N, C-alpha and C. Protein backbone atom coordinates (compact mmCIF):
# COMPACT_ATOMS: atom_id res chain seq x y z
N UNK A 1 -4.96 -6.73 -106.72
CA UNK A 1 -5.09 -7.86 -105.83
C UNK A 1 -5.54 -9.08 -106.64
N UNK A 2 -4.86 -10.17 -106.46
CA UNK A 2 -5.20 -11.39 -107.18
C UNK A 2 -6.53 -11.94 -106.67
N UNK A 3 -7.44 -12.19 -107.60
CA UNK A 3 -8.74 -12.74 -107.23
C UNK A 3 -8.62 -14.22 -106.90
N UNK A 4 -9.37 -14.66 -105.90
CA UNK A 4 -9.35 -16.07 -105.52
C UNK A 4 -10.78 -16.58 -105.44
N UNK A 5 -10.94 -17.88 -105.51
CA UNK A 5 -12.25 -18.50 -105.32
C UNK A 5 -12.54 -18.60 -103.83
N UNK A 6 -13.81 -18.40 -103.46
CA UNK A 6 -14.19 -18.34 -102.06
C UNK A 6 -14.65 -19.68 -101.49
N UNK A 7 -14.69 -20.71 -102.30
CA UNK A 7 -14.96 -22.05 -101.80
C UNK A 7 -14.38 -23.04 -102.79
N UNK A 8 -14.47 -24.31 -102.48
CA UNK A 8 -13.93 -25.36 -103.35
C UNK A 8 -15.06 -26.24 -103.87
N UNK A 9 -14.73 -27.01 -104.90
CA UNK A 9 -15.69 -27.97 -105.44
C UNK A 9 -16.11 -28.95 -104.36
N UNK A 10 -15.15 -29.41 -103.56
CA UNK A 10 -15.44 -30.35 -102.49
C UNK A 10 -16.43 -29.78 -101.49
N UNK A 11 -16.30 -28.50 -101.16
CA UNK A 11 -17.22 -27.87 -100.21
C UNK A 11 -18.63 -27.77 -100.77
N UNK A 12 -18.74 -27.49 -102.07
CA UNK A 12 -20.06 -27.45 -102.70
C UNK A 12 -20.69 -28.84 -102.68
N UNK A 13 -19.89 -29.84 -102.99
CA UNK A 13 -20.42 -31.21 -102.99
C UNK A 13 -20.82 -31.63 -101.57
N UNK A 14 -20.03 -31.25 -100.59
CA UNK A 14 -20.36 -31.61 -99.22
C UNK A 14 -21.66 -30.97 -98.78
N UNK A 15 -21.82 -29.69 -99.07
CA UNK A 15 -23.03 -28.98 -98.65
C UNK A 15 -24.27 -29.56 -99.32
N UNK A 16 -24.18 -29.81 -100.62
CA UNK A 16 -25.36 -30.25 -101.37
C UNK A 16 -25.64 -31.73 -101.24
N UNK A 17 -24.64 -32.51 -100.81
CA UNK A 17 -24.80 -33.95 -100.78
C UNK A 17 -24.60 -34.59 -102.13
N UNK A 18 -24.04 -33.82 -103.05
CA UNK A 18 -23.80 -34.30 -104.42
C UNK A 18 -22.54 -35.15 -104.43
N UNK A 19 -22.70 -36.43 -104.70
CA UNK A 19 -21.57 -37.36 -104.69
C UNK A 19 -20.89 -37.34 -106.06
N UNK A 20 -19.57 -37.21 -106.05
CA UNK A 20 -18.81 -37.18 -107.29
C UNK A 20 -19.01 -38.48 -108.06
N UNK A 21 -19.36 -38.35 -109.33
CA UNK A 21 -19.49 -39.53 -110.18
C UNK A 21 -20.88 -40.11 -110.23
N UNK A 22 -21.87 -39.48 -109.55
CA UNK A 22 -23.21 -40.06 -109.61
C UNK A 22 -24.05 -39.55 -110.78
N UNK A 23 -23.43 -38.65 -111.58
CA UNK A 23 -24.05 -38.20 -112.83
C UNK A 23 -25.41 -37.56 -112.65
N UNK A 24 -25.58 -36.81 -111.58
CA UNK A 24 -26.85 -36.11 -111.41
C UNK A 24 -26.64 -34.61 -111.30
N UNK A 25 -25.50 -34.13 -111.69
CA UNK A 25 -25.24 -32.70 -111.62
C UNK A 25 -24.05 -32.30 -112.44
N UNK A 26 -23.62 -31.04 -112.31
CA UNK A 26 -22.48 -30.54 -113.07
C UNK A 26 -21.19 -31.30 -112.76
N UNK A 27 -20.28 -31.29 -113.71
CA UNK A 27 -18.97 -31.89 -113.51
C UNK A 27 -18.13 -30.99 -112.60
N UNK A 28 -16.99 -31.51 -112.16
CA UNK A 28 -16.09 -30.70 -111.34
C UNK A 28 -15.65 -29.45 -112.08
N UNK A 29 -15.35 -29.58 -113.37
CA UNK A 29 -14.91 -28.42 -114.16
C UNK A 29 -16.02 -27.37 -114.25
N UNK A 30 -17.25 -27.83 -114.42
CA UNK A 30 -18.37 -26.90 -114.48
C UNK A 30 -18.61 -26.23 -113.12
N UNK A 31 -18.49 -27.00 -112.04
CA UNK A 31 -18.63 -26.42 -110.71
C UNK A 31 -17.54 -25.40 -110.43
N UNK A 32 -16.33 -25.69 -110.89
CA UNK A 32 -15.21 -24.76 -110.67
C UNK A 32 -15.48 -23.43 -111.36
N UNK A 33 -16.03 -23.47 -112.56
CA UNK A 33 -16.37 -22.23 -113.27
C UNK A 33 -17.47 -21.48 -112.53
N UNK A 34 -18.47 -22.21 -112.05
CA UNK A 34 -19.55 -21.59 -111.28
C UNK A 34 -19.01 -20.93 -110.01
N UNK A 35 -18.05 -21.59 -109.36
CA UNK A 35 -17.47 -21.05 -108.13
C UNK A 35 -16.76 -19.72 -108.39
N UNK A 36 -15.98 -19.67 -109.46
CA UNK A 36 -15.27 -18.43 -109.81
C UNK A 36 -16.26 -17.31 -110.09
N UNK A 37 -17.29 -17.61 -110.86
CA UNK A 37 -18.29 -16.60 -111.18
C UNK A 37 -19.05 -16.15 -109.93
N UNK A 38 -19.40 -17.10 -109.08
CA UNK A 38 -20.13 -16.76 -107.85
C UNK A 38 -19.26 -15.93 -106.91
N UNK A 39 -17.97 -16.23 -106.85
CA UNK A 39 -17.06 -15.47 -105.99
C UNK A 39 -17.01 -14.00 -106.41
N UNK A 40 -16.96 -13.77 -107.73
CA UNK A 40 -16.93 -12.39 -108.21
C UNK A 40 -18.28 -11.71 -107.99
N UNK A 41 -19.37 -12.47 -108.05
CA UNK A 41 -20.68 -11.90 -107.76
C UNK A 41 -20.77 -11.49 -106.30
N UNK A 42 -20.23 -12.29 -105.41
CA UNK A 42 -20.20 -11.93 -104.00
C UNK A 42 -19.40 -10.65 -103.79
N UNK A 43 -18.27 -10.53 -104.49
CA UNK A 43 -17.49 -9.28 -104.43
C UNK A 43 -18.34 -8.09 -104.87
N UNK A 44 -19.14 -8.30 -105.91
CA UNK A 44 -19.99 -7.22 -106.42
C UNK A 44 -21.00 -6.79 -105.36
N UNK A 45 -21.57 -7.76 -104.65
CA UNK A 45 -22.50 -7.43 -103.57
C UNK A 45 -21.79 -6.64 -102.47
N UNK A 46 -20.54 -7.02 -102.19
CA UNK A 46 -19.80 -6.35 -101.12
C UNK A 46 -19.29 -4.97 -101.55
N UNK A 47 -19.18 -4.76 -102.86
CA UNK A 47 -18.65 -3.51 -103.36
C UNK A 47 -17.14 -3.44 -103.32
N UNK A 48 -16.49 -4.56 -103.06
CA UNK A 48 -15.02 -4.62 -103.01
C UNK A 48 -14.60 -6.09 -103.05
N UNK A 49 -13.33 -6.31 -103.34
CA UNK A 49 -12.82 -7.68 -103.29
C UNK A 49 -12.57 -8.06 -101.84
N UNK A 50 -13.15 -9.17 -101.43
CA UNK A 50 -13.14 -9.54 -100.01
C UNK A 50 -11.91 -10.33 -99.59
N UNK A 51 -11.25 -10.98 -100.54
CA UNK A 51 -10.08 -11.78 -100.19
C UNK A 51 -9.12 -11.83 -101.37
N UNK A 52 -7.87 -12.03 -101.05
CA UNK A 52 -6.81 -12.05 -102.05
C UNK A 52 -5.61 -11.27 -101.51
N UNK A 53 -4.45 -11.51 -102.04
CA UNK A 53 -3.24 -10.85 -101.55
C UNK A 53 -2.46 -10.20 -102.68
N UNK A 54 -1.65 -9.21 -102.31
CA UNK A 54 -0.81 -8.48 -103.25
C UNK A 54 0.61 -8.46 -102.69
N UNK A 55 1.60 -8.65 -103.55
CA UNK A 55 3.01 -8.62 -103.13
C UNK A 55 3.56 -7.20 -103.18
N UNK A 56 4.45 -6.89 -102.22
CA UNK A 56 5.03 -5.55 -102.14
C UNK A 56 6.51 -5.64 -101.75
N UNK A 57 7.25 -4.64 -102.16
CA UNK A 57 8.61 -4.41 -101.67
C UNK A 57 8.67 -2.95 -101.23
N UNK A 58 9.03 -2.72 -99.98
CA UNK A 58 9.11 -1.36 -99.46
C UNK A 58 10.49 -1.10 -98.85
N UNK A 59 10.92 0.14 -98.95
CA UNK A 59 12.18 0.57 -98.33
C UNK A 59 11.86 1.62 -97.27
N UNK A 60 12.43 1.43 -96.09
CA UNK A 60 12.13 2.31 -94.97
C UNK A 60 13.40 2.94 -94.41
N UNK A 61 13.31 4.23 -94.14
CA UNK A 61 14.41 4.93 -93.49
C UNK A 61 14.44 4.56 -92.01
N UNK A 62 15.59 4.78 -91.40
CA UNK A 62 15.72 4.56 -89.95
C UNK A 62 16.02 5.88 -89.27
N UNK A 63 15.78 5.91 -87.97
CA UNK A 63 16.16 7.05 -87.15
C UNK A 63 16.77 6.52 -85.85
N UNK A 64 17.60 7.31 -85.23
CA UNK A 64 18.30 6.88 -84.03
C UNK A 64 17.31 6.49 -82.94
N UNK A 65 17.56 5.32 -82.35
CA UNK A 65 16.75 4.75 -81.28
C UNK A 65 15.34 4.33 -81.75
N UNK A 66 15.18 4.15 -83.04
CA UNK A 66 13.90 3.68 -83.59
C UNK A 66 13.65 2.25 -83.15
N UNK A 67 12.37 1.92 -82.84
CA UNK A 67 12.02 0.58 -82.38
C UNK A 67 11.03 -0.14 -83.30
N UNK A 68 10.44 0.58 -84.26
CA UNK A 68 9.48 -0.08 -85.14
C UNK A 68 9.37 0.65 -86.47
N UNK A 69 8.80 -0.04 -87.46
CA UNK A 69 8.42 0.58 -88.72
C UNK A 69 6.98 0.15 -89.03
N UNK A 70 6.31 0.95 -89.84
CA UNK A 70 4.93 0.67 -90.21
C UNK A 70 4.82 0.50 -91.72
N UNK A 71 4.35 -0.64 -92.14
CA UNK A 71 4.20 -0.92 -93.56
C UNK A 71 3.00 -0.18 -94.13
N UNK A 72 3.06 0.14 -95.41
CA UNK A 72 2.04 1.00 -96.02
C UNK A 72 0.76 0.24 -96.36
N UNK A 73 0.88 -1.01 -96.73
CA UNK A 73 -0.27 -1.77 -97.21
C UNK A 73 -0.74 -2.75 -96.15
N UNK A 74 -2.00 -2.66 -95.78
CA UNK A 74 -2.52 -3.45 -94.68
C UNK A 74 -3.90 -4.01 -95.02
N UNK A 75 -4.29 -5.11 -94.35
CA UNK A 75 -3.55 -5.87 -93.34
C UNK A 75 -2.41 -6.66 -93.97
N UNK A 76 -1.41 -6.97 -93.17
CA UNK A 76 -0.27 -7.75 -93.65
C UNK A 76 -0.62 -9.23 -93.58
N UNK A 77 -0.52 -9.91 -94.72
CA UNK A 77 -0.81 -11.35 -94.74
C UNK A 77 0.42 -12.17 -94.41
N UNK A 78 1.58 -11.74 -94.92
CA UNK A 78 2.81 -12.52 -94.70
C UNK A 78 4.01 -11.64 -95.00
N UNK A 79 5.05 -11.77 -94.19
CA UNK A 79 6.31 -11.07 -94.45
C UNK A 79 7.34 -12.09 -94.91
N UNK A 80 7.82 -11.90 -96.13
CA UNK A 80 8.82 -12.82 -96.69
C UNK A 80 10.19 -12.58 -96.08
N UNK A 81 10.58 -11.31 -95.98
CA UNK A 81 11.90 -11.01 -95.41
C UNK A 81 11.99 -9.54 -95.02
N UNK A 82 12.85 -9.29 -94.03
CA UNK A 82 13.28 -7.94 -93.67
C UNK A 82 14.79 -7.92 -93.81
N UNK A 83 15.28 -7.03 -94.67
CA UNK A 83 16.72 -6.97 -94.95
C UNK A 83 17.29 -5.62 -94.53
N UNK A 84 18.50 -5.65 -94.01
CA UNK A 84 19.20 -4.43 -93.62
C UNK A 84 20.32 -4.14 -94.61
N UNK A 85 20.40 -2.90 -95.06
CA UNK A 85 21.42 -2.50 -96.01
C UNK A 85 22.70 -2.08 -95.29
N UNK A 86 23.80 -2.71 -95.64
CA UNK A 86 25.08 -2.38 -95.02
C UNK A 86 25.69 -1.15 -95.69
N UNK A 87 26.77 -0.66 -95.12
CA UNK A 87 27.41 0.55 -95.65
C UNK A 87 27.96 0.35 -97.06
N UNK A 88 28.28 -0.91 -97.42
CA UNK A 88 28.80 -1.16 -98.76
C UNK A 88 27.70 -1.46 -99.78
N UNK A 89 26.45 -1.35 -99.36
CA UNK A 89 25.33 -1.55 -100.28
C UNK A 89 24.76 -2.95 -100.29
N UNK A 90 25.44 -3.88 -99.67
CA UNK A 90 24.91 -5.25 -99.61
C UNK A 90 23.80 -5.33 -98.54
N UNK A 91 23.00 -6.38 -98.64
CA UNK A 91 21.91 -6.53 -97.68
C UNK A 91 22.08 -7.82 -96.88
N UNK A 92 21.60 -7.78 -95.65
CA UNK A 92 21.61 -8.94 -94.77
C UNK A 92 20.17 -9.22 -94.32
N UNK A 93 19.76 -10.47 -94.44
CA UNK A 93 18.42 -10.85 -94.01
C UNK A 93 18.39 -10.93 -92.48
N UNK A 94 17.47 -10.21 -91.87
CA UNK A 94 17.34 -10.22 -90.42
C UNK A 94 16.45 -11.38 -89.99
N UNK A 95 16.71 -11.90 -88.81
CA UNK A 95 15.98 -13.07 -88.31
C UNK A 95 14.67 -12.66 -87.64
N UNK A 96 13.61 -13.38 -88.01
CA UNK A 96 12.30 -13.13 -87.41
C UNK A 96 12.11 -14.00 -86.18
N UNK A 97 11.48 -13.46 -85.15
CA UNK A 97 11.18 -14.26 -83.97
C UNK A 97 10.98 -13.40 -82.75
N UNK A 98 10.48 -14.03 -81.70
CA UNK A 98 10.19 -13.31 -80.47
C UNK A 98 11.24 -13.54 -79.39
N UNK A 99 12.33 -14.26 -79.70
CA UNK A 99 13.39 -14.48 -78.71
C UNK A 99 14.14 -13.17 -78.46
N UNK A 100 14.30 -12.83 -77.21
CA UNK A 100 14.95 -11.57 -76.86
C UNK A 100 16.40 -11.75 -76.41
N UNK A 101 16.93 -12.94 -76.67
CA UNK A 101 18.30 -13.21 -76.20
C UNK A 101 19.35 -12.87 -77.24
N UNK A 102 18.94 -12.17 -78.31
CA UNK A 102 19.91 -11.75 -79.30
C UNK A 102 19.91 -12.58 -80.58
N UNK A 103 19.20 -13.68 -80.61
CA UNK A 103 19.18 -14.52 -81.81
C UNK A 103 18.18 -14.02 -82.84
N UNK A 104 17.13 -13.30 -82.42
CA UNK A 104 16.12 -12.77 -83.33
C UNK A 104 16.21 -11.26 -83.39
N UNK A 105 15.78 -10.72 -84.55
CA UNK A 105 15.90 -9.28 -84.76
C UNK A 105 14.57 -8.53 -84.75
N UNK A 106 13.50 -9.17 -85.26
CA UNK A 106 12.24 -8.45 -85.43
C UNK A 106 11.06 -9.43 -85.36
N UNK A 107 9.86 -8.87 -85.19
CA UNK A 107 8.64 -9.66 -85.28
C UNK A 107 7.50 -8.77 -85.76
N UNK A 108 6.50 -9.40 -86.35
CA UNK A 108 5.30 -8.68 -86.78
C UNK A 108 4.41 -8.52 -85.57
N UNK A 109 4.32 -7.31 -85.08
CA UNK A 109 3.58 -7.05 -83.84
C UNK A 109 2.08 -6.90 -84.08
N UNK A 110 1.70 -6.29 -85.20
CA UNK A 110 0.28 -6.03 -85.47
C UNK A 110 0.05 -6.08 -86.97
N UNK A 111 -0.54 -7.19 -87.45
CA UNK A 111 -0.76 -7.36 -88.88
C UNK A 111 -1.77 -6.35 -89.42
N UNK A 112 -2.81 -6.04 -88.64
CA UNK A 112 -3.82 -5.09 -89.09
C UNK A 112 -3.24 -3.69 -89.26
N UNK A 113 -2.35 -3.31 -88.36
CA UNK A 113 -1.74 -1.99 -88.42
C UNK A 113 -0.44 -1.98 -89.22
N UNK A 114 0.07 -3.17 -89.58
CA UNK A 114 1.30 -3.27 -90.36
C UNK A 114 2.56 -2.90 -89.59
N UNK A 115 2.57 -3.16 -88.28
CA UNK A 115 3.68 -2.74 -87.43
C UNK A 115 4.69 -3.87 -87.24
N UNK A 116 5.93 -3.59 -87.63
CA UNK A 116 7.07 -4.48 -87.36
C UNK A 116 7.88 -3.86 -86.23
N UNK A 117 8.20 -4.67 -85.22
CA UNK A 117 8.99 -4.17 -84.10
C UNK A 117 10.36 -4.86 -84.05
N UNK A 118 11.35 -4.09 -83.60
CA UNK A 118 12.72 -4.60 -83.46
C UNK A 118 13.02 -4.86 -81.99
N UNK A 119 13.81 -5.90 -81.74
CA UNK A 119 14.18 -6.21 -80.36
C UNK A 119 15.14 -5.17 -79.79
N UNK A 120 15.98 -4.62 -80.65
CA UNK A 120 16.95 -3.63 -80.20
C UNK A 120 16.75 -2.32 -80.95
N UNK A 121 17.04 -1.23 -80.28
CA UNK A 121 16.91 0.07 -80.92
C UNK A 121 17.87 0.20 -82.09
N UNK A 122 17.34 0.79 -83.18
CA UNK A 122 18.23 1.08 -84.32
C UNK A 122 19.16 2.22 -83.92
N UNK A 123 20.45 2.08 -84.22
CA UNK A 123 21.43 3.02 -83.69
C UNK A 123 21.90 4.09 -84.65
N UNK A 124 21.21 4.30 -85.79
CA UNK A 124 21.67 5.32 -86.72
C UNK A 124 20.52 5.84 -87.56
N UNK A 125 20.73 7.04 -88.12
CA UNK A 125 19.81 7.59 -89.12
C UNK A 125 20.32 7.16 -90.48
N UNK A 126 19.46 6.54 -91.27
CA UNK A 126 19.89 6.07 -92.59
C UNK A 126 18.70 6.07 -93.54
N UNK A 127 18.94 6.45 -94.78
CA UNK A 127 17.90 6.44 -95.81
C UNK A 127 17.77 5.04 -96.39
N UNK A 128 16.55 4.54 -96.43
CA UNK A 128 16.25 3.23 -97.00
C UNK A 128 17.13 2.13 -96.41
N UNK A 129 17.22 2.15 -95.10
CA UNK A 129 18.05 1.14 -94.43
C UNK A 129 17.43 -0.24 -94.52
N UNK A 130 16.10 -0.31 -94.42
CA UNK A 130 15.42 -1.61 -94.39
C UNK A 130 14.62 -1.86 -95.66
N UNK A 131 14.78 -3.06 -96.18
CA UNK A 131 13.99 -3.53 -97.32
C UNK A 131 13.05 -4.62 -96.81
N UNK A 132 11.74 -4.42 -97.00
CA UNK A 132 10.75 -5.38 -96.52
C UNK A 132 9.98 -5.94 -97.71
N UNK A 133 9.99 -7.25 -97.83
CA UNK A 133 9.24 -7.94 -98.87
C UNK A 133 8.08 -8.66 -98.19
N UNK A 134 6.85 -8.36 -98.64
CA UNK A 134 5.69 -8.91 -97.93
C UNK A 134 4.46 -8.93 -98.83
N UNK A 135 3.40 -9.54 -98.34
CA UNK A 135 2.12 -9.52 -99.02
C UNK A 135 1.07 -8.92 -98.09
N UNK A 136 0.15 -8.20 -98.68
CA UNK A 136 -0.96 -7.63 -97.91
C UNK A 136 -2.27 -8.18 -98.43
N UNK A 137 -3.29 -8.03 -97.62
CA UNK A 137 -4.61 -8.53 -98.01
C UNK A 137 -5.07 -9.62 -97.06
N UNK A 138 -6.13 -10.28 -97.45
CA UNK A 138 -6.71 -11.35 -96.64
C UNK A 138 -6.63 -12.64 -97.44
N UNK A 139 -6.02 -13.65 -96.87
CA UNK A 139 -5.78 -14.90 -97.60
C UNK A 139 -7.05 -15.73 -97.76
N UNK A 140 -8.02 -15.58 -96.87
CA UNK A 140 -9.25 -16.37 -96.93
C UNK A 140 -10.45 -15.45 -96.77
N UNK A 141 -11.56 -15.77 -97.41
CA UNK A 141 -12.74 -14.90 -97.31
C UNK A 141 -13.41 -15.03 -95.95
N UNK A 142 -14.17 -14.02 -95.54
CA UNK A 142 -14.97 -14.17 -94.32
C UNK A 142 -16.00 -15.26 -94.52
N UNK A 143 -16.47 -15.85 -93.42
CA UNK A 143 -17.33 -17.01 -93.51
C UNK A 143 -18.63 -16.72 -94.25
N UNK A 144 -19.17 -15.48 -94.10
CA UNK A 144 -20.42 -15.18 -94.80
C UNK A 144 -20.21 -15.16 -96.31
N UNK A 145 -19.02 -14.75 -96.76
CA UNK A 145 -18.73 -14.75 -98.19
C UNK A 145 -18.56 -16.17 -98.71
N UNK A 146 -17.91 -17.02 -97.91
CA UNK A 146 -17.76 -18.43 -98.30
C UNK A 146 -19.13 -19.10 -98.43
N UNK A 147 -19.98 -18.92 -97.42
CA UNK A 147 -21.28 -19.56 -97.45
C UNK A 147 -22.16 -19.02 -98.56
N UNK A 148 -22.10 -17.73 -98.80
CA UNK A 148 -22.88 -17.14 -99.90
C UNK A 148 -22.44 -17.73 -101.23
N UNK A 149 -21.14 -17.94 -101.41
CA UNK A 149 -20.62 -18.52 -102.64
C UNK A 149 -21.09 -19.96 -102.81
N UNK A 150 -20.98 -20.75 -101.75
CA UNK A 150 -21.43 -22.14 -101.80
C UNK A 150 -22.91 -22.21 -102.20
N UNK A 151 -23.73 -21.38 -101.55
CA UNK A 151 -25.16 -21.42 -101.81
C UNK A 151 -25.51 -20.94 -103.21
N UNK A 152 -24.80 -19.94 -103.70
CA UNK A 152 -25.03 -19.48 -105.06
C UNK A 152 -24.71 -20.57 -106.07
N UNK A 153 -23.62 -21.27 -105.85
CA UNK A 153 -23.23 -22.35 -106.76
C UNK A 153 -24.25 -23.49 -106.71
N UNK A 154 -24.68 -23.85 -105.51
CA UNK A 154 -25.69 -24.89 -105.38
C UNK A 154 -26.95 -24.51 -106.16
N UNK A 155 -27.36 -23.27 -106.05
CA UNK A 155 -28.57 -22.82 -106.73
C UNK A 155 -28.37 -22.76 -108.24
N UNK A 156 -27.18 -22.35 -108.69
CA UNK A 156 -26.90 -22.35 -110.12
C UNK A 156 -26.91 -23.77 -110.68
N UNK A 157 -26.32 -24.71 -109.93
CA UNK A 157 -26.30 -26.11 -110.36
C UNK A 157 -27.71 -26.67 -110.41
N UNK A 158 -28.54 -26.30 -109.42
CA UNK A 158 -29.92 -26.77 -109.38
C UNK A 158 -30.70 -26.26 -110.59
N UNK A 159 -30.56 -24.97 -110.88
CA UNK A 159 -31.28 -24.40 -112.02
C UNK A 159 -30.85 -25.05 -113.32
N UNK A 160 -29.53 -25.26 -113.46
CA UNK A 160 -29.02 -25.87 -114.69
C UNK A 160 -29.61 -27.26 -114.88
N UNK A 161 -29.70 -28.03 -113.81
CA UNK A 161 -30.22 -29.39 -113.91
C UNK A 161 -31.72 -29.40 -114.14
N UNK A 162 -32.45 -28.51 -113.47
CA UNK A 162 -33.91 -28.46 -113.62
C UNK A 162 -34.33 -27.95 -115.00
N UNK A 163 -33.49 -27.09 -115.59
CA UNK A 163 -33.82 -26.54 -116.90
C UNK A 163 -33.32 -27.39 -118.06
N UNK A 164 -32.58 -28.44 -117.74
CA UNK A 164 -32.05 -29.33 -118.78
C UNK A 164 -33.16 -30.30 -119.19
N UNK A 165 -33.58 -30.18 -120.43
CA UNK A 165 -34.68 -31.04 -120.89
C UNK A 165 -34.30 -32.51 -120.94
N UNK A 166 -33.01 -32.79 -120.90
CA UNK A 166 -32.55 -34.17 -120.92
C UNK A 166 -32.39 -34.77 -119.52
N UNK A 167 -32.62 -33.94 -118.49
CA UNK A 167 -32.48 -34.44 -117.12
C UNK A 167 -33.62 -35.39 -116.78
N UNK A 168 -33.27 -36.51 -116.18
CA UNK A 168 -34.29 -37.46 -115.74
C UNK A 168 -35.01 -36.92 -114.51
N UNK A 169 -36.17 -37.44 -114.22
CA UNK A 169 -36.97 -36.97 -113.09
C UNK A 169 -36.24 -37.20 -111.77
N UNK A 170 -35.47 -38.29 -111.67
CA UNK A 170 -34.74 -38.55 -110.42
C UNK A 170 -33.71 -37.45 -110.15
N UNK A 171 -33.15 -36.90 -111.24
CA UNK A 171 -32.19 -35.81 -111.09
C UNK A 171 -32.89 -34.55 -110.60
N UNK A 172 -34.05 -34.27 -111.17
CA UNK A 172 -34.81 -33.10 -110.76
C UNK A 172 -35.30 -33.23 -109.32
N UNK A 173 -35.60 -34.45 -108.92
CA UNK A 173 -36.04 -34.68 -107.54
C UNK A 173 -34.92 -34.40 -106.54
N UNK A 174 -33.67 -34.59 -106.99
CA UNK A 174 -32.53 -34.28 -106.12
C UNK A 174 -32.37 -32.77 -105.95
N UNK A 175 -32.47 -32.01 -107.05
CA UNK A 175 -32.16 -30.60 -107.04
C UNK A 175 -33.32 -29.71 -106.61
N UNK A 176 -34.55 -30.10 -106.87
CA UNK A 176 -35.69 -29.22 -106.59
C UNK A 176 -35.79 -28.83 -105.12
N UNK A 177 -35.66 -29.77 -104.17
CA UNK A 177 -35.70 -29.37 -102.75
C UNK A 177 -34.55 -28.45 -102.35
N UNK A 178 -33.37 -28.66 -102.93
CA UNK A 178 -32.23 -27.79 -102.62
C UNK A 178 -32.48 -26.36 -103.08
N UNK A 179 -33.07 -26.23 -104.26
CA UNK A 179 -33.37 -24.89 -104.77
C UNK A 179 -34.37 -24.19 -103.87
N UNK A 180 -35.37 -24.92 -103.42
CA UNK A 180 -36.40 -24.33 -102.56
C UNK A 180 -35.85 -24.00 -101.17
N UNK A 181 -35.09 -24.92 -100.60
CA UNK A 181 -34.67 -24.78 -99.20
C UNK A 181 -33.55 -23.77 -99.01
N UNK A 182 -32.80 -23.44 -100.06
CA UNK A 182 -31.66 -22.54 -99.90
C UNK A 182 -31.98 -21.08 -100.20
N UNK A 183 -33.18 -20.81 -100.68
CA UNK A 183 -33.50 -19.43 -101.09
C UNK A 183 -33.36 -18.43 -99.95
N UNK A 184 -33.97 -18.72 -98.83
CA UNK A 184 -33.91 -17.79 -97.70
C UNK A 184 -32.50 -17.68 -97.15
N UNK A 185 -31.80 -18.82 -97.07
CA UNK A 185 -30.46 -18.83 -96.48
C UNK A 185 -29.47 -18.02 -97.32
N UNK A 186 -29.51 -18.21 -98.65
CA UNK A 186 -28.51 -17.51 -99.46
C UNK A 186 -28.78 -16.01 -99.48
N UNK A 187 -30.04 -15.60 -99.40
CA UNK A 187 -30.35 -14.17 -99.34
C UNK A 187 -29.83 -13.57 -98.04
N UNK A 188 -29.95 -14.31 -96.96
CA UNK A 188 -29.46 -13.83 -95.67
C UNK A 188 -27.95 -13.64 -95.68
N UNK A 189 -27.23 -14.60 -96.30
CA UNK A 189 -25.77 -14.47 -96.36
C UNK A 189 -25.35 -13.31 -97.26
N UNK A 190 -26.06 -13.11 -98.36
CA UNK A 190 -25.73 -11.98 -99.23
C UNK A 190 -25.98 -10.65 -98.52
N UNK A 191 -27.01 -10.58 -97.71
CA UNK A 191 -27.26 -9.37 -96.94
C UNK A 191 -26.13 -9.12 -95.95
N UNK A 192 -25.63 -10.20 -95.34
CA UNK A 192 -24.51 -10.05 -94.41
C UNK A 192 -23.25 -9.62 -95.14
N UNK A 193 -23.05 -10.11 -96.35
CA UNK A 193 -21.92 -9.67 -97.15
C UNK A 193 -22.04 -8.18 -97.45
N UNK A 194 -23.21 -7.74 -97.85
CA UNK A 194 -23.41 -6.33 -98.18
C UNK A 194 -23.23 -5.44 -96.95
N UNK A 195 -23.65 -5.95 -95.81
CA UNK A 195 -23.51 -5.17 -94.58
C UNK A 195 -22.12 -5.29 -93.97
N UNK A 196 -21.31 -6.22 -94.55
CA UNK A 196 -19.96 -6.47 -94.04
C UNK A 196 -19.99 -6.82 -92.56
N UNK A 197 -21.02 -7.56 -92.16
CA UNK A 197 -21.14 -7.98 -90.77
C UNK A 197 -20.50 -9.34 -90.60
N UNK A 198 -20.34 -9.77 -89.34
CA UNK A 198 -19.68 -11.02 -89.04
C UNK A 198 -20.66 -12.00 -88.41
N UNK A 199 -20.40 -13.27 -88.67
CA UNK A 199 -21.19 -14.33 -88.06
C UNK A 199 -20.31 -15.10 -87.10
N UNK A 200 -20.87 -15.50 -85.98
CA UNK A 200 -20.08 -16.23 -84.99
C UNK A 200 -19.81 -17.65 -85.45
N UNK A 201 -20.84 -18.33 -86.00
CA UNK A 201 -20.70 -19.74 -86.34
C UNK A 201 -21.46 -20.01 -87.62
N UNK A 202 -20.89 -20.86 -88.48
CA UNK A 202 -21.61 -21.36 -89.65
C UNK A 202 -21.19 -22.79 -89.86
N UNK A 203 -22.14 -23.65 -90.17
CA UNK A 203 -21.86 -25.06 -90.34
C UNK A 203 -22.44 -25.50 -91.67
N UNK A 204 -21.69 -26.30 -92.41
CA UNK A 204 -22.26 -26.84 -93.64
C UNK A 204 -21.86 -28.30 -93.75
N UNK A 205 -22.64 -29.02 -94.54
CA UNK A 205 -22.37 -30.43 -94.74
C UNK A 205 -23.63 -31.23 -94.48
N UNK A 206 -23.52 -32.53 -94.65
CA UNK A 206 -24.68 -33.38 -94.45
C UNK A 206 -25.17 -33.27 -93.01
N UNK A 207 -26.42 -32.92 -92.85
CA UNK A 207 -26.98 -32.80 -91.52
C UNK A 207 -26.62 -31.50 -90.83
N UNK A 208 -25.86 -30.59 -91.53
CA UNK A 208 -25.44 -29.35 -90.90
C UNK A 208 -26.59 -28.37 -90.79
N UNK A 209 -26.39 -27.38 -89.92
CA UNK A 209 -27.41 -26.35 -89.73
C UNK A 209 -27.32 -25.33 -90.84
């Protein structure tokens, strides 16, 4: 599964109130590196990779009067194509959609279960009749993983600035309260990541809760 970052530089800046170009913290490139490292640390706390997708190609047999097929890798993030193999070996791309008037052939009925349903019953038994190209996984991290990543990066940036002997006092005055105020919050989010629990609402940004 391809690893992805769980937040952006812009989100870190929004949460911390760090304005780009004010020269009181890490550069965008440095923040981007911190984000990647923090994202993998969050995965470590979870004991698994929480977001990312993998590409697959699967071939499925058909049976008479069949109405659905089940993909092996779940949850399904996106289906690129469903192709039907003709008797001469060529393939035809089937149309996706929920129209039942004959213009559409199939739809993704349940991404979590990987179920593709056909509008019409398949009328023959055939080996590897259908070729499905798709991606599985989760395209975006759960909110607790995103917030844990943002907070970890903010704290890493704060420590870097506070430990820099060349940092002016005004810079330390910006970061010191953030380091103190985020300690409890980031620990709570990491606990939620480890417990794989869900949060109903999370808000970040200037004046956010």
